[in-house]
Amino acid sequence: MADEEPVDQKKYLEDGCKPKCVKQLRSYEACVKRIQGDESGHKHCTGQYFDYWSCVDKCVSSFICLEPQFG
């Protein structure tokens, strides 16, 4: 076991949390669709994007806080 590479659990936790943030994801996707074709560069969906990842991060952090500390 000492020769095994450590596995970053964050991706697995994020994948498990994404279904809990569908509302934020749909809001982001709707924004992307709404501004599609904007050539001015003034319209963006940054707020919706960050809302989605904030939801995922909050969910992931709840799992991390529950894991036992090593060391």
PDB file of N, CA and C in Angstrom:
ATOM      1  N   MET A   1       0.806  -1.198   0.000  1.00  0.00           N
ATOM      2  CA  MET A   1       0.000   0.000   0.000  1.00  0.00           C
ATOM      3  C   MET A   1       0.849   1.263   0.000  1.00  0.00           C
ATOM      4  N   ALA A   2       2.067   1.181   0.530  1.00  0.00           N
ATOM      5  CA  ALA A   2       2.907   2.360   0.608  1.00  0.00           C
ATOM      6  C   ALA A   2       3.321   2.853  -0.773  1.00  0.00           C
ATOM      7  N   ASP A   3       3.314   1.966  -1.778  1.00  0.00           N
ATOM      8  CA  ASP A   3       3.716   2.342  -3.122  1.00  0.00           C
ATOM      9  C   ASP A   3       2.587   2.948  -3.941  1.00  0.00           C
ATOM     10  N   GLU A   4       1.369   2.899  -3.450  1.00  0.00           N
ATOM     11  CA  GLU A   4       0.225   3.426  -4.190  1.00  0.00           C
ATOM     12  C   GLU A   4       0.194   4.943  -4.137  1.00  0.00           C
ATOM     13  N   GLU A   5      -0.198   5.529  -5.269  1.00  0.00           N
ATOM     14  CA  GLU A   5      -0.372   6.975  -5.326  1.00  0.00           C
ATOM     15  C   GLU A   5      -1.633   7.361  -4.553  1.00  0.00           C
ATOM     16  N   PRO A   6      -1.572   8.437  -3.802  1.00  0.00           N
ATOM     17  CA  PRO A   6      -2.783   8.877  -3.122  1.00  0.00           C
ATOM     18  C   PRO A   6      -3.829   9.343  -4.148  1.00  0.00           C
ATOM     19  N   VAL A   7      -5.073   9.118  -3.837  1.00  0.00           N
ATOM     20  CA  VAL A   7      -6.169   9.491  -4.730  1.00  0.00           C
ATOM     21  C   VAL A   7      -6.868  10.708  -4.140  1.00  0.00           C
ATOM     22  N   ASP A   8      -7.018  11.720  -4.970  1.00  0.00           N
ATOM     23  CA  ASP A   8      -7.722  12.923  -4.542  1.00  0.00           C
ATOM     24  C   ASP A   8      -9.226  12.634  -4.540  1.00  0.00           C
ATOM     25  N   GLN A   9      -9.823  12.671  -3.379  1.00  0.00           N
ATOM     26  CA  GLN A   9     -11.240  12.351  -3.227  1.00  0.00           C
ATOM     27  C   GLN A   9     -12.158  13.495  -3.645  1.00  0.00           C
ATOM     28  N   LYS A  10     -11.596  14.690  -3.868  1.00  0.00           N
ATOM     29  CA  LYS A  10     -12.429  15.859  -4.173  1.00  0.00           C
ATOM     30  C   LYS A  10     -13.290  15.634  -5.401  1.00  0.00           C
ATOM     31  N   LYS A  11     -12.731  15.066  -6.465  1.00  0.00           N
ATOM     32  CA  LYS A  11     -13.500  14.837  -7.687  1.00  0.00           C
ATOM     33  C   LYS A  11     -14.683  13.910  -7.414  1.00  0.00           C
ATOM     34  N   TYR A  12     -14.459  12.860  -6.654  1.00  0.00           N
ATOM     35  CA  TYR A  12     -15.542  11.917  -6.345  1.00  0.00           C
ATOM     36  C   TYR A  12     -16.615  12.581  -5.490  1.00  0.00           C
ATOM     37  N   LEU A  13     -16.178  13.400  -4.540  1.00  0.00           N
ATOM     38  CA  LEU A  13     -17.141  14.112  -3.710  1.00  0.00           C
ATOM     39  C   LEU A  13     -17.933  15.121  -4.532  1.00  0.00           C
ATOM     40  N   GLU A  14     -17.238  15.836  -5.452  1.00  0.00           N
ATOM     41  CA  GLU A  14     -17.937  16.786  -6.315  1.00  0.00           C
ATOM     42  C   GLU A  14     -18.967  16.076  -7.181  1.00  0.00           C
ATOM     43  N   ASP A  15     -18.580  14.944  -7.763  1.00  0.00           N
ATOM     44  CA  ASP A  15     -19.521  14.192  -8.599  1.00  0.00           C
ATOM     45  C   ASP A  15     -20.746  13.752  -7.798  1.00  0.00           C
ATOM     46  N   GLY A  16     -20.543  13.405  -6.537  1.00  0.00           N
ATOM     47  CA  GLY A  16     -21.662  13.014  -5.689  1.00  0.00           C
ATOM     48  C   GLY A  16     -22.546  14.183  -5.283  1.00  0.00           C
ATOM     49  N   CYS A  17     -21.969  15.377  -5.273  1.00  0.00           N
ATOM     50  CA  CYS A  17     -22.722  16.561  -4.851  1.00  0.00           C
ATOM     51  C   CYS A  17     -23.448  17.256  -6.004  1.00  0.00           C
ATOM     52  N   LYS A  18     -22.987  17.081  -7.213  1.00  0.00           N
ATOM     53  CA  LYS A  18     -23.586  17.783  -8.351  1.00  0.00           C
ATOM     54  C   LYS A  18     -25.094  17.567  -8.481  1.00  0.00           C
ATOM     55  N   PRO A  19     -25.615  16.351  -8.245  1.00  0.00           N
ATOM     56  CA  PRO A  19     -27.072  16.179  -8.336  1.00  0.00           C
ATOM     57  C   PRO A  19     -27.856  17.018  -7.318  1.00  0.00           C
ATOM     58  N   LYS A  20     -27.207  17.424  -6.241  1.00  0.00           N
ATOM     59  CA  LYS A  20     -27.885  18.245  -5.236  1.00  0.00           C
ATOM     60  C   LYS A  20     -27.953  19.711  -5.644  1.00  0.00           C
ATOM     61  N   CYS A  21     -27.261  20.063  -6.734  1.00  0.00           N
ATOM     62  CA  CYS A  21     -27.183  21.461  -7.166  1.00  0.00           C
ATOM     63  C   CYS A  21     -27.784  21.660  -8.554  1.00  0.00           C
ATOM     64  N   VAL A  22     -28.771  20.852  -8.875  1.00  0.00           N
ATOM     65  CA  VAL A  22     -29.381  20.903 -10.202  1.00  0.00           C
ATOM     66  C   VAL A  22     -30.051  22.252 -10.462  1.00  0.00           C
ATOM     67  N   LYS A  23     -30.670  22.827  -9.463  1.00  0.00           N
ATOM     68  CA  LYS A  23     -31.348  24.120  -9.638  1.00  0.00           C
ATOM     69  C   LYS A  23     -30.356  25.184 -10.109  1.00  0.00           C
ATOM     70  N   GLN A  24     -29.194  25.248  -9.472  1.00  0.00           N
ATOM     71  CA  GLN A  24     -28.175  26.223  -9.846  1.00  0.00           C
ATOM     72  C   GLN A  24     -27.595  25.909 -11.225  1.00  0.00           C
ATOM     73  N   LEU A  25     -27.424  24.641 -11.531  1.00  0.00           N
ATOM     74  CA  LEU A  25     -26.919  24.250 -12.843  1.00  0.00           C
ATOM     75  C   LEU A  25     -27.897  24.652 -13.937  1.00  0.00           C
ATOM     76  N   ARG A  26     -29.175  24.420 -13.721  1.00  0.00           N
ATOM     77  CA  ARG A  26     -30.192  24.787 -14.715  1.00  0.00           C
ATOM     78  C   ARG A  26     -30.238  26.303 -14.920  1.00  0.00           C
ATOM     79  N   SER A  27     -30.062  27.047 -13.855  1.00  0.00           N
ATOM     80  CA  SER A  27     -30.028  28.499 -13.953  1.00  0.00           C
ATOM     81  C   SER A  27     -28.839  28.945 -14.808  1.00  0.00           C
ATOM     82  N   TYR A  28     -27.690  28.329 -14.594  1.00  0.00           N
ATOM     83  CA  TYR A  28     -26.509  28.642 -15.395  1.00  0.00           C
ATOM     84  C   TYR A  28     -26.731  28.278 -16.861  1.00  0.00           C
ATOM     85  N   GLU A  29     -27.270  27.095 -17.109  1.00  0.00           N
ATOM     86  CA  GLU A  29     -27.514  26.660 -18.489  1.00  0.00           C
ATOM     87  C   GLU A  29     -28.519  27.573 -19.189  1.00  0.00           C
ATOM     88  N   ALA A  30     -29.540  28.020 -18.465  1.00  0.00           N
ATOM     89  CA  ALA A  30     -30.526  28.934 -19.043  1.00  0.00           C
ATOM     90  C   ALA A  30     -29.873  30.266 -19.404  1.00  0.00           C
ATOM     91  N   CYS A  31     -28.990  30.733 -18.566  1.00  0.00           N
ATOM     92  CA  CYS A  31     -28.277  31.981 -18.843  1.00  0.00           C
ATOM     93  C   CYS A  31     -27.409  31.831 -20.087  1.00  0.00           C
ATOM     94  N   VAL A  32     -26.679  30.730 -20.176  1.00  0.00           N
ATOM     95  CA  VAL A  32     -25.822  30.492 -21.334  1.00  0.00           C
ATOM     96  C   VAL A  32     -26.642  30.496 -22.617  1.00  0.00           C
ATOM     97  N   LYS A  33     -27.802  29.854 -22.569  1.00  0.00           N
ATOM     98  CA  LYS A  33     -28.670  29.804 -23.736  1.00  0.00           C
ATOM     99  C   LYS A  33     -29.212  31.193 -24.078  1.00  0.00           C
ATOM    100  N   ARG A  34     -29.547  31.954 -23.030  1.00  0.00           N
ATOM    101  CA  ARG A  34     -30.127  33.279 -23.207  1.00  0.00           C
ATOM    102  C   ARG A  34     -29.136  34.254 -23.872  1.00  0.00           C
ATOM    103  N   ILE A  35     -27.860  34.140 -23.535  1.00  0.00           N
ATOM    104  CA  ILE A  35     -26.887  35.094 -24.078  1.00  0.00           C
ATOM    105  C   ILE A  35     -26.149  34.553 -25.300  1.00  0.00           C
ATOM    106  N   GLN A  36     -26.528  33.377 -25.722  1.00  0.00           N
ATOM    107  CA  GLN A  36     -25.896  32.785 -26.898  1.00  0.00           C
ATOM    108  C   GLN A  36     -26.024  33.734 -28.089  1.00  0.00           C
ATOM    109  N   GLY A  37     -24.944  33.944 -28.772  1.00  0.00           N
ATOM    110  CA  GLY A  37     -24.971  34.832 -29.922  1.00  0.00           C
ATOM    111  C   GLY A  37     -24.605  36.265 -29.595  1.00  0.00           C
ATOM    112  N   ASP A  38     -24.414  36.594 -28.326  1.00  0.00           N
ATOM    113  CA  ASP A  38     -24.001  37.944 -27.950  1.00  0.00           C
ATOM    114  C   ASP A  38     -22.560  38.160 -28.400  1.00  0.00           C
ATOM    115  N   GLU A  39     -22.373  39.104 -29.266  1.00  0.00           N
ATOM    116  CA  GLU A  39     -21.038  39.379 -29.776  1.00  0.00           C
ATOM    117  C   GLU A  39     -20.404  40.591 -29.106  1.00  0.00           C
ATOM    118  N   SER A  40     -21.152  41.257 -28.246  1.00  0.00           N
ATOM    119  CA  SER A  40     -20.629  42.461 -27.591  1.00  0.00           C
ATOM    120  C   SER A  40     -19.625  42.115 -26.494  1.00  0.00           C
ATOM    121  N   GLY A  41     -19.787  40.930 -25.916  1.00  0.00           N
ATOM    122  CA  GLY A  41     -18.906  40.536 -24.823  1.00  0.00           C
ATOM    123  C   GLY A  41     -19.308  41.112 -23.481  1.00  0.00           C
ATOM    124  N   HIS A  42     -20.415  41.830 -23.437  1.00  0.00           N
ATOM    125  CA  HIS A  42     -20.865  42.463 -22.199  1.00  0.00           C
ATOM    126  C   HIS A  42     -21.740  41.538 -21.353  1.00  0.00           C
ATOM    127  N   LYS A  43     -22.384  40.590 -21.993  1.00  0.00           N
ATOM    128  CA  LYS A  43     -23.256  39.672 -21.263  1.00  0.00           C
ATOM    129  C   LYS A  43     -22.435  38.462 -20.821  1.00  0.00           C
ATOM    130  N   HIS A  44     -22.734  37.992 -19.620  1.00  0.00           N
ATOM    131  CA  HIS A  44     -22.018  36.826 -19.096  1.00  0.00           C
ATOM    132  C   HIS A  44     -22.868  36.115 -18.056  1.00  0.00           C
ATOM    133  N   CYS A  45     -22.440  34.930 -17.706  1.00  0.00           N
ATOM    134  CA  CYS A  45     -23.159  34.109 -16.723  1.00  0.00           C
ATOM    135  C   CYS A  45     -22.270  33.781 -15.525  1.00  0.00           C
ATOM    136  N   THR A  46     -21.357  34.661 -15.225  1.00  0.00           N
ATOM    137  CA  THR A  46     -20.403  34.427 -14.144  1.00  0.00           C
ATOM    138  C   THR A  46     -21.108  34.201 -12.812  1.00  0.00           C
ATOM    139  N   GLY A  47     -22.120  34.984 -12.524  1.00  0.00           N
ATOM    140  CA  GLY A  47     -22.836  34.841 -11.253  1.00  0.00           C
ATOM    141  C   GLY A  47     -23.481  33.481 -11.105  1.00  0.00           C
ATOM    142  N   GLN A  48     -24.144  33.021 -12.155  1.00  0.00           N
ATOM    143  CA  GLN A  48     -24.786  31.714 -12.116  1.00  0.00           C
ATOM    144  C   GLN A  48     -23.747  30.588 -12.024  1.00  0.00           C
ATOM    145  N   TYR A  49     -22.636  30.778 -12.722  1.00  0.00           N
ATOM    146  CA  TYR A  49     -21.556  29.786 -12.675  1.00  0.00           C
ATOM    147  C   TYR A  49     -21.022  29.650 -11.250  1.00  0.00           C
ATOM    148  N   PHE A  50     -20.759  30.783 -10.598  1.00  0.00           N
ATOM    149  CA  PHE A  50     -20.254  30.744  -9.234  1.00  0.00           C
ATOM    150  C   PHE A  50     -21.307  30.242  -8.245  1.00  0.00           C
ATOM    151  N   ASP A  51     -22.580  30.530  -8.488  1.00  0.00           N
ATOM    152  CA  ASP A  51     -23.641  29.995  -7.631  1.00  0.00           C
ATOM    153  C   ASP A  51     -23.636  28.468  -7.668  1.00  0.00           C
ATOM    154  N   TYR A  52     -23.474  27.918  -8.872  1.00  0.00           N
ATOM    155  CA  TYR A  52     -23.446  26.454  -9.022  1.00  0.00           C
ATOM    156  C   TYR A  52     -22.266  25.858  -8.270  1.00  0.00           C
ATOM    157  N   TRP A  53     -21.070  26.382  -8.502  1.00  0.00           N
ATOM    158  CA  TRP A  53     -19.889  25.809  -7.848  1.00  0.00           C
ATOM    159  C   TRP A  53     -19.867  26.095  -6.352  1.00  0.00           C
ATOM    160  N   SER A  54     -20.485  27.165  -5.923  1.00  0.00           N
ATOM    161  CA  SER A  54     -20.601  27.434  -4.492  1.00  0.00           C
ATOM    162  C   SER A  54     -21.465  26.355  -3.828  1.00  0.00           C
ATOM    163  N   CYS A  55     -22.538  25.972  -4.493  1.00  0.00           N
ATOM    164  CA  CYS A  55     -23.403  24.905  -3.996  1.00  0.00           C
ATOM    165  C   CYS A  55     -22.635  23.590  -3.896  1.00  0.00           C
ATOM    166  N   VAL A  56     -21.890  23.254  -4.951  1.00  0.00           N
ATOM    167  CA  VAL A  56     -21.104  22.021  -4.956  1.00  0.00           C
ATOM    168  C   VAL A  56     -20.059  22.065  -3.845  1.00  0.00           C
ATOM    169  N   ASP A  57     -19.341  23.180  -3.723  1.00  0.00           N
ATOM    170  CA  ASP A  57     -18.303  23.309  -2.699  1.00  0.00           C
ATOM    171  C   ASP A  57     -18.877  23.197  -1.290  1.00  0.00           C
ATOM    172  N   LYS A  58     -20.042  23.781  -1.069  1.00  0.00           N
ATOM    173  CA  LYS A  58     -20.673  23.715   0.250  1.00  0.00           C
ATOM    174  C   LYS A  58     -21.019  22.263   0.589  1.00  0.00           C
ATOM    175  N   CYS A  59     -21.533  21.547  -0.381  1.00  0.00           N
ATOM    176  CA  CYS A  59     -21.866  20.139  -0.180  1.00  0.00           C
ATOM    177  C   CYS A  59     -20.609  19.322   0.110  1.00  0.00           C
ATOM    178  N   VAL A  60     -19.558  19.524  -0.680  1.00  0.00           N
ATOM    179  CA  VAL A  60     -18.297  18.799  -0.494  1.00  0.00           C
ATOM    180  C   VAL A  60     -17.721  19.090   0.887  1.00  0.00           C
ATOM    181  N   SER A  61     -17.768  20.344   1.298  1.00  0.00           N
ATOM    182  CA  SER A  61     -17.193  20.705   2.600  1.00  0.00           C
ATOM    183  C   SER A  61     -17.916  20.016   3.742  1.00  0.00           C
ATOM    184  N   SER A  62     -19.193  19.737   3.573  1.00  0.00           N
ATOM    185  CA  SER A  62     -19.920  19.045   4.638  1.00  0.00           C
ATOM    186  C   SER A  62     -19.412  17.612   4.791  1.00  0.00           C
ATOM    187  N   PHE A  63     -18.981  16.995   3.716  1.00  0.00           N
ATOM    188  CA  PHE A  63     -18.407  15.649   3.794  1.00  0.00           C
ATOM    189  C   PHE A  63     -17.002  15.684   4.367  1.00  0.00           C
ATOM    190  N   ILE A  64     -16.223  16.683   3.976  1.00  0.00           N
ATOM    191  CA  ILE A  64     -14.844  16.783   4.454  1.00  0.00           C
ATOM    192  C   ILE A  64     -14.818  16.992   5.960  1.00  0.00           C
ATOM    193  N   CYS A  65     -15.731  17.780   6.474  1.00  0.00           N
ATOM    194  CA  CYS A  65     -15.787  18.052   7.920  1.00  0.00           C
ATOM    195  C   CYS A  65     -16.146  16.807   8.708  1.00  0.00           C
ATOM    196  N   LEU A  66     -16.804  15.840   8.067  1.00  0.00           N
ATOM    197  CA  LEU A  66     -17.208  14.627   8.743  1.00  0.00           C
ATOM    198  C   LEU A  66     -16.120  13.555   8.739  1.00  0.00           C
ATOM    199  N   GLU A  67     -15.118  13.687   7.843  1.00  0.00           N
ATOM    200  CA  GLU A  67     -14.065  12.687   7.749  1.00  0.00           C
ATOM    201  C   GLU A  67     -13.110  12.820   8.937  1.00  0.00           C
ATOM    202  N   PRO A  68     -12.585  11.677   9.426  1.00  0.00           N
ATOM    203  CA  PRO A  68     -11.637  11.724  10.537  1.00  0.00           C
ATOM    204  C   PRO A  68     -10.331  12.372  10.082  1.00  0.00           C
ATOM    205  N   GLN A  69      -9.703  13.072  10.979  1.00  0.00           N
ATOM    206  CA  GLN A  69      -8.428  13.725  10.695  1.00  0.00           C
ATOM    207  C   GLN A  69      -7.292  12.725  10.893  1.00  0.00           C
ATOM    208  N   PHE A  70      -6.325  12.768  10.009  1.00  0.00           N
ATOM    209  CA  PHE A  70      -5.173  11.880  10.091  1.00  0.00           C
ATOM    210  C   PHE A  70      -3.977  12.661  10.583  1.00  0.00           C
ATOM    211  N   GLY A  71      -3.088  11.982  11.254  1.00  0.00           N
ATOM    212  CA  GLY A  71      -1.837  12.635  11.626  1.00  0.00           C
ATOM    213  C   GLY A  71      -1.709  12.824  13.037  1.00  0.00           C
TER     214      GLY A  71
END
